[in-house]
């Protein structure tokens, strides 16, 4: 059984690219998930939902960010990945 990932990325094209990249090794899921991947804009829009997710069972949250994140964000996320991401050679 593949680990489940929920992707909350603004913009259909970006979300679709990420889903295609990850779907070979992970199941993309809206409801049950083992990891939440979210971008800065969506985090701001869904802050209460993320707080609710964080208050229940442990679900790691990976933030996709362009810039340095503010201190208060660390209460909602476990790790940050900076974009643009360079593909390994």
PDB file of N, CA and C in Angstrom:
ATOM      1  N   UNK A   1       0.835  -1.180   0.000  1.00  0.00           N
ATOM      2  CA  UNK A   1       0.000   0.000   0.000  1.00  0.00           C
ATOM      3  C   UNK A   1       0.886   1.251   0.000  1.00  0.00           C
ATOM      4  N   UNK A   2       0.563   2.175  -0.883  1.00  0.00           N
ATOM      5  CA  UNK A   2       1.336   3.411  -1.004  1.00  0.00           C
ATOM      6  C   UNK A   2       0.966   4.392   0.107  1.00  0.00           C
ATOM      7  N   UNK A   3       1.949   5.158   0.604  1.00  0.00           N
ATOM      8  CA  UNK A   3       1.626   6.249   1.533  1.00  0.00           C
ATOM      9  C   UNK A   3       0.728   7.271   0.822  1.00  0.00           C
ATOM     10  N   UNK A   4      -0.139   7.924   1.584  1.00  0.00           N
ATOM     11  CA  UNK A   4      -1.099   8.871   1.011  1.00  0.00           C
ATOM     12  C   UNK A   4      -0.660  10.309   1.258  1.00  0.00           C
ATOM     13  N   UNK A   5      -0.765  11.109   0.202  1.00  0.00           N
ATOM     14  CA  UNK A   5      -0.389  12.518   0.273  1.00  0.00           C
ATOM     15  C   UNK A   5      -1.581  13.374  -0.144  1.00  0.00           C
ATOM     16  N   UNK A   6      -1.811  14.426   0.615  1.00  0.00           N
ATOM     17  CA  UNK A   6      -2.812  15.433   0.242  1.00  0.00           C
ATOM     18  C   UNK A   6      -2.048  16.646  -0.264  1.00  0.00           C
ATOM     19  N   UNK A   7      -2.415  17.118  -1.445  1.00  0.00           N
ATOM     20  CA  UNK A   7      -1.727  18.252  -2.055  1.00  0.00           C
ATOM     21  C   UNK A   7      -2.668  19.448  -2.089  1.00  0.00           C
ATOM     22  N   UNK A   8      -2.253  20.528  -1.446  1.00  0.00           N
ATOM     23  CA  UNK A   8      -3.014  21.782  -1.412  1.00  0.00           C
ATOM     24  C   UNK A   8      -2.124  22.879  -1.991  1.00  0.00           C
ATOM     25  N   UNK A   9      -2.055  22.893  -3.319  1.00  0.00           N
ATOM     26  CA  UNK A   9      -1.215  23.854  -4.031  1.00  0.00           C
ATOM     27  C   UNK A   9      -2.112  24.727  -4.897  1.00  0.00           C
ATOM     28  N   UNK A  10      -1.947  26.048  -4.810  1.00  0.00           N
ATOM     29  CA  UNK A  10      -2.744  26.982  -5.598  1.00  0.00           C
ATOM     30  C   UNK A  10      -2.353  26.873  -7.068  1.00  0.00           C
ATOM     31  N   UNK A  11      -3.335  26.834  -7.929  1.00  0.00           N
ATOM     32  CA  UNK A  11      -3.086  26.761  -9.366  1.00  0.00           C
ATOM     33  C   UNK A  11      -3.160  25.331  -9.864  1.00  0.00           C
ATOM     34  N   UNK A  12      -4.086  25.088 -10.776  1.00  0.00           N
ATOM     35  CA  UNK A  12      -4.311  23.734 -11.286  1.00  0.00           C
ATOM     36  C   UNK A  12      -3.069  23.144 -11.949  1.00  0.00           C
ATOM     37  N   UNK A  13      -2.360  23.946 -12.718  1.00  0.00           N
ATOM     38  CA  UNK A  13      -1.194  23.436 -13.445  1.00  0.00           C
ATOM     39  C   UNK A  13      -0.106  22.967 -12.481  1.00  0.00           C
ATOM     40  N   UNK A  14       0.189  23.770 -11.464  1.00  0.00           N
ATOM     41  CA  UNK A  14       1.214  23.388 -10.485  1.00  0.00           C
ATOM     42  C   UNK A  14       0.805  22.143  -9.715  1.00  0.00           C
ATOM     43  N   UNK A  15      -0.452  22.095  -9.312  1.00  0.00           N
ATOM     44  CA  UNK A  15      -0.956  20.937  -8.579  1.00  0.00           C
ATOM     45  C   UNK A  15      -0.870  19.677  -9.441  1.00  0.00           C
ATOM     46  N   UNK A  16      -1.296  19.786 -10.700  1.00  0.00           N
ATOM     47  CA  UNK A  16      -1.281  18.633 -11.598  1.00  0.00           C
ATOM     48  C   UNK A  16       0.144  18.124 -11.817  1.00  0.00           C
ATOM     49  N   UNK A  17       1.091  19.020 -12.013  1.00  0.00           N
ATOM     50  CA  UNK A  17       2.490  18.617 -12.190  1.00  0.00           C
ATOM     51  C   UNK A  17       3.009  17.863 -10.967  1.00  0.00           C
ATOM     52  N   UNK A  18       2.701  18.369  -9.789  1.00  0.00           N
ATOM     53  CA  UNK A  18       3.143  17.723  -8.556  1.00  0.00           C
ATOM     54  C   UNK A  18       2.471  16.365  -8.385  1.00  0.00           C
ATOM     55  N   UNK A  19       1.179  16.284  -8.682  1.00  0.00           N
ATOM     56  CA  UNK A  19       0.464  15.007  -8.598  1.00  0.00           C
ATOM     57  C   UNK A  19       1.076  13.977  -9.542  1.00  0.00           C
ATOM     58  N   UNK A  20       1.345  14.381 -10.778  1.00  0.00           N
ATOM     59  CA  UNK A  20       1.939  13.467 -11.757  1.00  0.00           C
ATOM     60  C   UNK A  20       3.309  12.983 -11.291  1.00  0.00           C
ATOM     61  N   UNK A  21       4.094  13.880 -10.739  1.00  0.00           N
ATOM     62  CA  UNK A  21       5.433  13.532 -10.278  1.00  0.00           C
ATOM     63  C   UNK A  21       5.389  12.552  -9.111  1.00  0.00           C
ATOM     64  N   UNK A  22       4.449  12.747  -8.183  1.00  0.00           N
ATOM     65  CA  UNK A  22       4.397  11.936  -6.963  1.00  0.00           C
ATOM     66  C   UNK A  22       3.540  10.678  -7.075  1.00  0.00           C
ATOM     67  N   UNK A  23       2.629  10.623  -8.033  1.00  0.00           N
ATOM     68  CA  UNK A  23       1.641   9.541  -8.071  1.00  0.00           C
ATOM     69  C   UNK A  23       2.223   8.154  -8.339  1.00  0.00           C
ATOM     70  N   UNK A  24       3.427   8.079  -8.846  1.00  0.00           N
ATOM     71  CA  UNK A  24       4.035   6.769  -9.076  1.00  0.00           C
ATOM     72  C   UNK A  24       4.363   6.069  -7.754  1.00  0.00           C
ATOM     73  N   UNK A  25       4.790   6.831  -6.761  1.00  0.00           N
ATOM     74  CA  UNK A  25       5.187   6.240  -5.477  1.00  0.00           C
ATOM     75  C   UNK A  25       4.193   6.496  -4.352  1.00  0.00           C
ATOM     76  N   UNK A  26       3.277   7.453  -4.555  1.00  0.00           N
ATOM     77  CA  UNK A  26       2.346   7.834  -3.494  1.00  0.00           C
ATOM     78  C   UNK A  26       0.925   7.870  -4.033  1.00  0.00           C
ATOM     79  N   UNK A  27      -0.025   7.622  -3.145  1.00  0.00           N
ATOM     80  CA  UNK A  27      -1.432   7.771  -3.495  1.00  0.00           C
ATOM     81  C   UNK A  27      -1.833   9.204  -3.159  1.00  0.00           C
ATOM     82  N   UNK A  28      -2.424   9.891  -4.121  1.00  0.00           N
ATOM     83  CA  UNK A  28      -2.889  11.253  -3.897  1.00  0.00           C
ATOM     84  C   UNK A  28      -4.308  11.158  -3.345  1.00  0.00           C
ATOM     85  N   UNK A  29      -4.532  11.752  -2.175  1.00  0.00           N
ATOM     86  CA  UNK A  29      -5.809  11.598  -1.483  1.00  0.00           C
ATOM     87  C   UNK A  29      -6.270  12.930  -0.897  1.00  0.00           C
ATOM     88  N   UNK A  30      -7.564  13.170  -0.940  1.00  0.00           N
ATOM     89  CA  UNK A  30      -8.138  14.383  -0.350  1.00  0.00           C
ATOM     90  C   UNK A  30      -8.552  14.165   1.098  1.00  0.00           C
ATOM     91  N   UNK A  31      -8.969  12.946   1.422  1.00  0.00           N
ATOM     92  CA  UNK A  31      -9.515  12.722   2.764  1.00  0.00           C
ATOM     93  C   UNK A  31      -8.465  12.168   3.724  1.00  0.00           C
ATOM     94  N   UNK A  32      -8.129  10.910   3.595  1.00  0.00           N
ATOM     95  CA  UNK A  32      -7.125  10.301   4.474  1.00  0.00           C
ATOM     96  C   UNK A  32      -5.744  10.530   3.871  1.00  0.00           C
ATOM     97  N   UNK A  33      -4.799  10.941   4.724  1.00  0.00           N
ATOM     98  CA  UNK A  33      -3.458  11.192   4.197  1.00  0.00           C
ATOM     99  C   UNK A  33      -2.425  11.051   5.302  1.00  0.00           C
ATOM    100  N   UNK A  34      -1.184  10.795   4.867  1.00  0.00           N
ATOM    101  CA  UNK A  34      -0.048  10.667   5.776  1.00  0.00           C
ATOM    102  C   UNK A  34       0.809  11.933   5.787  1.00  0.00           C
ATOM    103  N   UNK A  35       0.693  12.743   4.740  1.00  0.00           N
ATOM    104  CA  UNK A  35       1.476  13.973   4.599  1.00  0.00           C
ATOM    105  C   UNK A  35       0.640  15.006   3.866  1.00  0.00           C
ATOM    106  N   UNK A  36       0.685  16.238   4.348  1.00  0.00           N
ATOM    107  CA  UNK A  36       0.028  17.359   3.671  1.00  0.00           C
ATOM    108  C   UNK A  36       1.110  18.241   3.065  1.00  0.00           C
ATOM    109  N   UNK A  37       1.005  18.471   1.758  1.00  0.00           N
ATOM    110  CA  UNK A  37       1.900  19.402   1.068  1.00  0.00           C
ATOM    111  C   UNK A  37       1.061  20.625   0.716  1.00  0.00           C
ATOM    112  N   UNK A  38       1.502  21.794   1.182  1.00  0.00           N
ATOM    113  CA  UNK A  38       0.703  23.009   1.015  1.00  0.00           C
ATOM    114  C   UNK A  38       1.618  24.185   0.684  1.00  0.00           C
ATOM    115  N   UNK A  39       1.111  25.113  -0.122  1.00  0.00           N
ATOM    116  CA  UNK A  39       1.909  26.301  -0.435  1.00  0.00           C
ATOM    117  C   UNK A  39       1.491  27.469   0.459  1.00  0.00           C
ATOM    118  N   UNK A  40       2.251  28.545   0.387  1.00  0.00           N
ATOM    119  CA  UNK A  40       2.030  29.702   1.275  1.00  0.00           C
ATOM    120  C   UNK A  40       0.644  30.316   1.122  1.00  0.00           C
ATOM    121  N   UNK A  41       0.208  30.511  -0.104  1.00  0.00           N
ATOM    122  CA  UNK A  41      -1.088  31.138  -0.349  1.00  0.00           C
ATOM    123  C   UNK A  41      -2.225  30.276   0.198  1.00  0.00           C
ATOM    124  N   UNK A  42      -2.177  28.987  -0.079  1.00  0.00           N
ATOM    125  CA  UNK A  42      -3.226  28.087   0.393  1.00  0.00           C
ATOM    126  C   UNK A  42      -3.197  27.975   1.908  1.00  0.00           C
ATOM    127  N   UNK A  43      -2.016  27.991   2.502  1.00  0.00           N
ATOM    128  CA  UNK A  43      -1.915  27.950   3.961  1.00  0.00           C
ATOM    129  C   UNK A  43      -2.628  29.152   4.576  1.00  0.00           C
ATOM    130  N   UNK A  44      -2.438  30.330   3.996  1.00  0.00           N
ATOM    131  CA  UNK A  44      -3.111  31.527   4.505  1.00  0.00           C
ATOM    132  C   UNK A  44      -4.626  31.394   4.391  1.00  0.00           C
ATOM    133  N   UNK A  45      -5.101  30.812   3.280  1.00  0.00           N
ATOM    134  CA  UNK A  45      -6.541  30.664   3.061  1.00  0.00           C
ATOM    135  C   UNK A  45      -7.153  29.563   3.927  1.00  0.00           C
ATOM    136  N   UNK A  46      -6.355  28.551   4.264  1.00  0.00           N
ATOM    137  CA  UNK A  46      -6.881  27.390   4.990  1.00  0.00           C
ATOM    138  C   UNK A  46      -6.230  27.221   6.358  1.00  0.00           C
ATOM    139  N   UNK A  47      -5.809  28.317   6.960  1.00  0.00           N
ATOM    140  CA  UNK A  47      -5.090  28.262   8.226  1.00  0.00           C
ATOM    141  C   UNK A  47      -5.886  27.533   9.318  1.00  0.00           C
ATOM    142  N   UNK A  48      -7.173  27.820   9.435  1.00  0.00           N
ATOM    143  CA  UNK A  48      -7.994  27.167  10.462  1.00  0.00           C
ATOM    144  C   UNK A  48      -8.082  25.665  10.224  1.00  0.00           C
ATOM    145  N   UNK A  49      -8.218  25.262   8.970  1.00  0.00           N
ATOM    146  CA  UNK A  49      -8.282  23.837   8.639  1.00  0.00           C
ATOM    147  C   UNK A  49      -6.968  23.134   8.988  1.00  0.00           C
ATOM    148  N   UNK A  50      -5.849  23.780   8.697  1.00  0.00           N
ATOM    149  CA  UNK A  50      -4.543  23.199   9.018  1.00  0.00           C
ATOM    150  C   UNK A  50      -4.366  23.110  10.535  1.00  0.00           C
ATOM    151  N   UNK A  51      -4.801  24.127  11.258  1.00  0.00           N
ATOM    152  CA  UNK A  51      -4.736  24.081  12.727  1.00  0.00           C
ATOM    153  C   UNK A  51      -5.542  22.901  13.262  1.00  0.00           C
ATOM    154  N   UNK A  52      -6.705  22.662  12.669  1.00  0.00           N
ATOM    155  CA  UNK A  52      -7.559  21.540  13.073  1.00  0.00           C
ATOM    156  C   UNK A  52      -6.864  20.202  12.782  1.00  0.00           C
ATOM    157  N   UNK A  53      -6.256  20.101  11.616  1.00  0.00           N
ATOM    158  CA  UNK A  53      -5.517  18.888  11.244  1.00  0.00           C
ATOM    159  C   UNK A  53      -4.390  18.648  12.240  1.00  0.00           C
ATOM    160  N   UNK A  54      -3.675  19.719  12.587  1.00  0.00           N
ATOM    161  CA  UNK A  54      -2.527  19.605  13.497  1.00  0.00           C
ATOM    162  C   UNK A  54      -2.943  19.260  14.925  1.00  0.00           C
ATOM    163  N   UNK A  55      -4.176  19.597  15.308  1.00  0.00           N
ATOM    164  CA  UNK A  55      -4.614  19.339  16.681  1.00  0.00           C
ATOM    165  C   UNK A  55      -5.044  17.888  16.892  1.00  0.00           C
ATOM    166  N   UNK A  56      -5.298  17.162  15.809  1.00  0.00           N
ATOM    167  CA  UNK A  56      -5.699  15.759  15.908  1.00  0.00           C
ATOM    168  C   UNK A  56      -4.490  14.846  15.874  1.00  0.00           C
ATOM    169  N   UNK A  57      -4.653  13.739  15.188  1.00  0.00           N
ATOM    170  CA  UNK A  57      -3.539  12.801  15.036  1.00  0.00           C
ATOM    171  C   UNK A  57      -2.406  13.463  14.261  1.00  0.00           C
ATOM    172  N   UNK A  58      -1.204  12.948  14.450  1.00  0.00           N
ATOM    173  CA  UNK A  58      -0.031  13.557  13.815  1.00  0.00           C
ATOM    174  C   UNK A  58      -0.094  13.389  12.298  1.00  0.00           C
ATOM    175  N   UNK A  59      -0.100  14.500  11.605  1.00  0.00           N
ATOM    176  CA  UNK A  59       0.004  14.547  10.150  1.00  0.00           C
ATOM    177  C   UNK A  59       1.083  15.573   9.826  1.00  0.00           C
ATOM    178  N   UNK A  60       2.230  15.141   9.325  1.00  0.00           N
ATOM    179  CA  UNK A  60       3.264  16.113   8.974  1.00  0.00           C
ATOM    180  C   UNK A  60       2.782  17.053   7.866  1.00  0.00           C
ATOM    181  N   UNK A  61       3.231  18.295   7.949  1.00  0.00           N
ATOM    182  CA  UNK A  61       2.861  19.314   6.972  1.00  0.00           C
ATOM    183  C   UNK A  61       4.141  19.867   6.359  1.00  0.00           C
ATOM    184  N   UNK A  62       4.223  19.790   5.025  1.00  0.00           N
ATOM    185  CA  UNK A  62       5.359  20.305   4.268  1.00  0.00           C
ATOM    186  C   UNK A  62       4.908  21.567   3.541  1.00  0.00           C
ATOM    187  N   UNK A  63       5.544  22.681   3.848  1.00  0.00           N
ATOM    188  CA  UNK A  63       5.208  23.956   3.222  1.00  0.00           C
ATOM    189  C   UNK A  63       6.124  24.202   2.032  1.00  0.00           C
ATOM    190  N   UNK A  64       5.523  24.553   0.899  1.00  0.00           N
ATOM    191  CA  UNK A  64       6.267  24.930  -0.297  1.00  0.00           C
ATOM    192  C   UNK A  64       6.288  26.459  -0.322  1.00  0.00           C
ATOM    193  N   UNK A  65       7.493  27.046  -0.234  1.00  0.00           N
ATOM    194  CA  UNK A  65       7.598  28.502  -0.084  1.00  0.00           C
ATOM    195  C   UNK A  65       8.649  29.092  -1.016  1.00  0.00           C
ATOM    196  N   UNK A  66       8.380  30.304  -1.479  1.00  0.00           N
ATOM    197  CA  UNK A  66       9.336  31.022  -2.324  1.00  0.00           C
ATOM    198  C   UNK A  66      10.370  31.765  -1.497  1.00  0.00           C
ATOM    199  N   UNK A  67       9.944  32.235  -0.342  1.00  0.00           N
ATOM    200  CA  UNK A  67      10.813  33.070   0.484  1.00  0.00           C
ATOM    201  C   UNK A  67      10.920  32.497   1.886  1.00  0.00           C
ATOM    202  N   UNK A  68      11.708  33.154   2.688  1.00  0.00           N
ATOM    203  CA  UNK A  68      11.850  32.779   4.098  1.00  0.00           C
ATOM    204  C   UNK A  68      10.490  32.902   4.772  1.00  0.00           C
ATOM    205  N   UNK A  69      10.125  31.909   5.576  1.00  0.00           N
ATOM    206  CA  UNK A  69       8.807  31.918   6.215  1.00  0.00           C
ATOM    207  C   UNK A  69       8.863  32.636   7.557  1.00  0.00           C
ATOM    208  N   UNK A  70       7.727  33.191   7.939  1.00  0.00           N
ATOM    209  CA  UNK A  70       7.634  33.912   9.203  1.00  0.00           C
ATOM    210  C   UNK A  70       7.620  32.933  10.365  1.00  0.00           C
ATOM    211  N   UNK A  71       8.056  33.391  11.506  1.00  0.00           N
ATOM    212  CA  UNK A  71       8.209  32.563  12.710  1.00  0.00           C
ATOM    213  C   UNK A  71       6.919  31.844  13.109  1.00  0.00           C
ATOM    214  N   UNK A  72       5.768  32.522  13.041  1.00  0.00           N
ATOM    215  CA  UNK A  72       4.513  31.913  13.489  1.00  0.00           C
ATOM    216  C   UNK A  72       4.050  30.749  12.613  1.00  0.00           C
ATOM    217  N   UNK A  73       4.559  30.663  11.407  1.00  0.00           N
ATOM    218  CA  UNK A  73       4.196  29.559  10.508  1.00  0.00           C
ATOM    219  C   UNK A  73       4.700  28.224  11.054  1.00  0.00           C
ATOM    220  N   UNK A  74       5.795  28.248  11.806  1.00  0.00           N
ATOM    221  CA  UNK A  74       6.392  27.005  12.304  1.00  0.00           C
ATOM    222  C   UNK A  74       5.486  26.262  13.284  1.00  0.00           C
ATOM    223  N   UNK A  75       4.465  26.907  13.798  1.00  0.00           N
ATOM    224  CA  UNK A  75       3.494  26.209  14.631  1.00  0.00           C
ATOM    225  C   UNK A  75       2.535  25.366  13.813  1.00  0.00           C
ATOM    226  N   UNK A  76       2.507  25.612  12.490  1.00  0.00           N
ATOM    227  CA  UNK A  76       1.589  24.901  11.600  1.00  0.00           C
ATOM    228  C   UNK A  76       2.278  23.918  10.669  1.00  0.00           C
ATOM    229  N   UNK A  77       3.567  24.083  10.448  1.00  0.00           N
ATOM    230  CA  UNK A  77       4.273  23.217   9.498  1.00  0.00           C
ATOM    231  C   UNK A  77       5.452  22.527  10.174  1.00  0.00           C
ATOM    232  N   UNK A  78       5.864  21.412   9.578  1.00  0.00           N
ATOM    233  CA  UNK A  78       7.000  20.662  10.116  1.00  0.00           C
ATOM    234  C   UNK A  78       8.280  20.925   9.342  1.00  0.00           C
ATOM    235  N   UNK A  79       8.124  21.220   8.056  1.00  0.00           N
ATOM    236  CA  UNK A  79       9.301  21.416   7.221  1.00  0.00           C
ATOM    237  C   UNK A  79       8.935  22.353   6.078  1.00  0.00           C
ATOM    238  N   UNK A  80       9.944  23.008   5.525  1.00  0.00           N
ATOM    239  CA  UNK A  80       9.743  23.932   4.410  1.00  0.00           C
ATOM    240  C   UNK A  80      10.662  23.520   3.278  1.00  0.00           C
ATOM    241  N   UNK A  81      10.111  23.516   2.067  1.00  0.00           N
ATOM    242  CA  UNK A  81      10.930  23.306   0.882  1.00  0.00           C
ATOM    243  C   UNK A  81      10.824  24.584   0.060  1.00  0.00           C
ATOM    244  N   UNK A  82      11.976  25.097  -0.350  1.00  0.00           N
ATOM    245  CA  UNK A  82      12.016  26.359  -1.100  1.00  0.00           C
ATOM    246  C   UNK A  82      11.881  26.080  -2.590  1.00  0.00           C
ATOM    247  N   UNK A  83      11.151  26.956  -3.275  1.00  0.00           N
ATOM    248  CA  UNK A  83      11.022  26.842  -4.718  1.00  0.00           C
ATOM    249  C   UNK A  83      11.637  28.079  -5.368  1.00  0.00           C
ATOM    250  N   UNK A  84      12.104  28.010  -6.591  1.00  0.00           N
ATOM    251  CA  UNK A  84      12.010  26.861  -7.479  1.00  0.00           C
ATOM    252  C   UNK A  84      12.955  25.735  -7.061  1.00  0.00           C
ATOM    253  N   UNK A  85      12.525  24.525  -7.346  1.00  0.00           N
ATOM    254  CA  UNK A  85      13.308  23.336  -7.020  1.00  0.00           C
ATOM    255  C   UNK A  85      14.131  22.970  -8.241  1.00  0.00           C
ATOM    256  N   UNK A  86      15.398  22.716  -8.019  1.00  0.00           N
ATOM    257  CA  UNK A  86      16.277  22.301  -9.104  1.00  0.00           C
ATOM    258  C   UNK A  86      16.280  20.784  -9.195  1.00  0.00           C
ATOM    259  N   UNK A  87      16.066  20.255 -10.385  1.00  0.00           N
ATOM    260  CA  UNK A  87      16.070  18.812 -10.583  1.00  0.00           C
ATOM    261  C   UNK A  87      17.500  18.299 -10.465  1.00  0.00           C
ATOM    262  N   UNK A  88      17.675  17.213  -9.700  1.00  0.00           N
ATOM    263  CA  UNK A  88      19.005  16.612  -9.544  1.00  0.00           C
ATOM    264  C   UNK A  88      19.458  16.012 -10.859  1.00  0.00           C
ATOM    265  N   UNK A  89      20.747  16.072 -11.093  1.00  0.00           N
ATOM    266  CA  UNK A  89      21.269  15.486 -12.332  1.00  0.00           C
ATOM    267  C   UNK A  89      21.857  14.137 -12.060  1.00  0.00           C
TER     268      UNK A  89
END
